Protein backbone atom coordinates (compact mmCIF):
# COMPACT_ATOMS: atom_id res chain seq x y z
CA MET A 1 -11.77 12.97 11.80
CA ASP A 2 -14.64 13.95 9.54
CA HIS A 3 -15.91 10.73 7.97
CA SER A 4 -18.70 12.42 5.98
CA ASN A 5 -16.63 12.62 2.77
CA HIS A 6 -15.23 9.10 3.05
CA VAL A 7 -16.42 6.46 0.61
CA ARG A 8 -18.18 3.46 2.18
CA LEU A 9 -16.91 0.07 1.08
CA THR A 10 -19.30 -2.18 -0.79
CA GLU A 11 -20.06 -5.69 0.45
CA ALA A 12 -17.83 -7.09 -2.32
CA GLU A 13 -14.90 -5.05 -0.94
CA LEU A 14 -15.20 -6.55 2.56
CA THR A 15 -12.36 -9.00 1.97
CA PRO A 16 -9.63 -10.12 4.36
CA ASP A 17 -6.86 -8.59 2.22
CA LEU A 18 -8.49 -5.16 2.03
CA LEU A 19 -9.54 -4.98 5.69
CA ALA A 20 -6.25 -6.22 7.22
CA ASP A 21 -4.60 -3.65 9.51
CA ALA A 22 -7.48 -1.16 9.13
CA THR A 23 -7.78 1.24 12.07
CA ILE A 24 -11.04 1.05 14.06
CA TYR A 25 -12.48 4.29 15.48
CA GLY A 26 -14.98 4.38 18.34
CA PRO A 27 -17.94 6.71 18.92
CA ASP A 28 -15.75 9.65 19.99
CA ASP A 29 -13.39 9.14 17.03
CA GLU A 30 -10.93 7.47 19.40
CA ASP A 31 -8.54 4.95 17.85
CA ILE A 32 -9.75 1.81 19.64
CA GLY A 33 -7.89 -0.91 17.75
CA SER A 34 -6.99 -2.39 14.40
CA VAL A 35 -8.05 -5.33 12.28
CA SER A 36 -5.87 -8.34 13.00
CA HIS A 37 -7.56 -10.62 10.48
CA VAL A 38 -10.94 -11.55 9.04
CA HIS A 39 -12.86 -14.83 8.95
CA GLY A 40 -14.99 -15.01 5.80
CA SER A 41 -15.94 -12.14 3.53
CA GLY A 42 -18.91 -9.95 2.72
CA SER A 43 -21.80 -9.31 5.12
CA THR A 44 -21.26 -12.51 7.16
CA ALA A 45 -17.56 -11.96 7.92
CA GLN A 46 -16.19 -11.90 11.47
CA VAL A 47 -13.59 -9.18 12.00
CA ILE A 48 -10.91 -9.86 14.60
CA ILE A 49 -9.85 -6.60 16.24
CA ASP A 50 -6.72 -6.18 18.35
CA VAL A 51 -7.75 -3.93 21.25
CA GLY A 52 -5.41 -2.24 23.70
CA GLY A 53 -1.75 -2.98 24.02
CA PHE A 54 1.10 -0.94 22.61
CA LEU A 55 2.62 -1.55 19.19
CA GLY A 56 0.76 -4.86 19.02
CA ILE A 57 2.17 -6.11 22.34
CA GLY A 58 -0.44 -7.03 24.94
CA ALA A 59 -3.36 -6.47 22.59
CA LYS A 60 -6.49 -8.59 23.11
CA PRO A 61 -8.10 -10.04 19.96
CA VAL A 62 -11.90 -9.92 19.93
CA ALA A 63 -14.37 -11.02 17.22
CA VAL A 64 -16.99 -8.58 15.95
CA PRO A 65 -19.52 -9.13 13.13
CA VAL A 66 -18.62 -6.99 10.12
CA SER A 67 -22.17 -5.57 10.32
CA GLN A 68 -21.14 -3.77 13.54
CA LEU A 69 -18.45 -1.84 11.67
CA ASP A 70 -18.79 0.84 8.98
CA PHE A 71 -15.76 0.38 6.71
CA MET A 72 -14.75 3.25 4.46
CA ARG A 73 -11.86 4.72 2.50
CA ASP A 74 -10.53 8.21 3.28
CA GLU A 75 -9.21 10.85 0.86
CA ASP A 76 -5.81 9.13 0.81
CA GLY A 77 -7.32 5.71 0.05
CA GLU A 78 -6.69 4.37 3.57
CA VAL A 79 -9.30 1.86 4.75
CA HIS A 80 -10.66 2.31 8.28
CA ALA A 81 -13.88 1.63 10.17
CA VAL A 82 -16.19 3.38 12.60
CA THR A 83 -18.21 1.58 15.27
CA SER A 84 -20.49 2.42 18.17
CA TRP A 85 -18.43 0.08 20.42
CA THR A 86 -16.05 1.77 22.87
CA LYS A 87 -12.57 0.46 23.66
CA ASP A 88 -13.78 -0.59 27.12
CA GLN A 89 -16.73 -2.51 25.65
CA LEU A 90 -14.42 -4.37 23.28
CA LYS A 91 -11.98 -5.16 26.09
CA GLU A 92 -14.87 -6.75 28.04
CA MET A 93 -15.62 -9.19 25.19
CA PRO A 94 -14.27 -12.73 25.34
CA GLU A 95 -10.82 -13.16 23.81
CA HIS A 96 -10.87 -14.61 20.31
CA LEU A 97 -8.76 -17.75 20.05
CA ASP A 98 -7.79 -19.08 16.64
């Protein structure tokens, strides 16, 4: 996916409602997970990403600072994020427990 024409979200747009269910893409444009939920908002938010699993079953939730994700909106208005983390790196993180 070519992200060069996608519009980056502003800090004010980094809200739990807007980021929920956003797809997360890794360095090779691989779909590595999706946003489960968000703690906080703006530049200090913690994004909980469900990694692995199939159709939400067996996924491992991990917490990542929002600063490690580049959230944007594509031509269709869909919110997604790009990160330098790989799926394997996220899977190695401690499980986030609510």
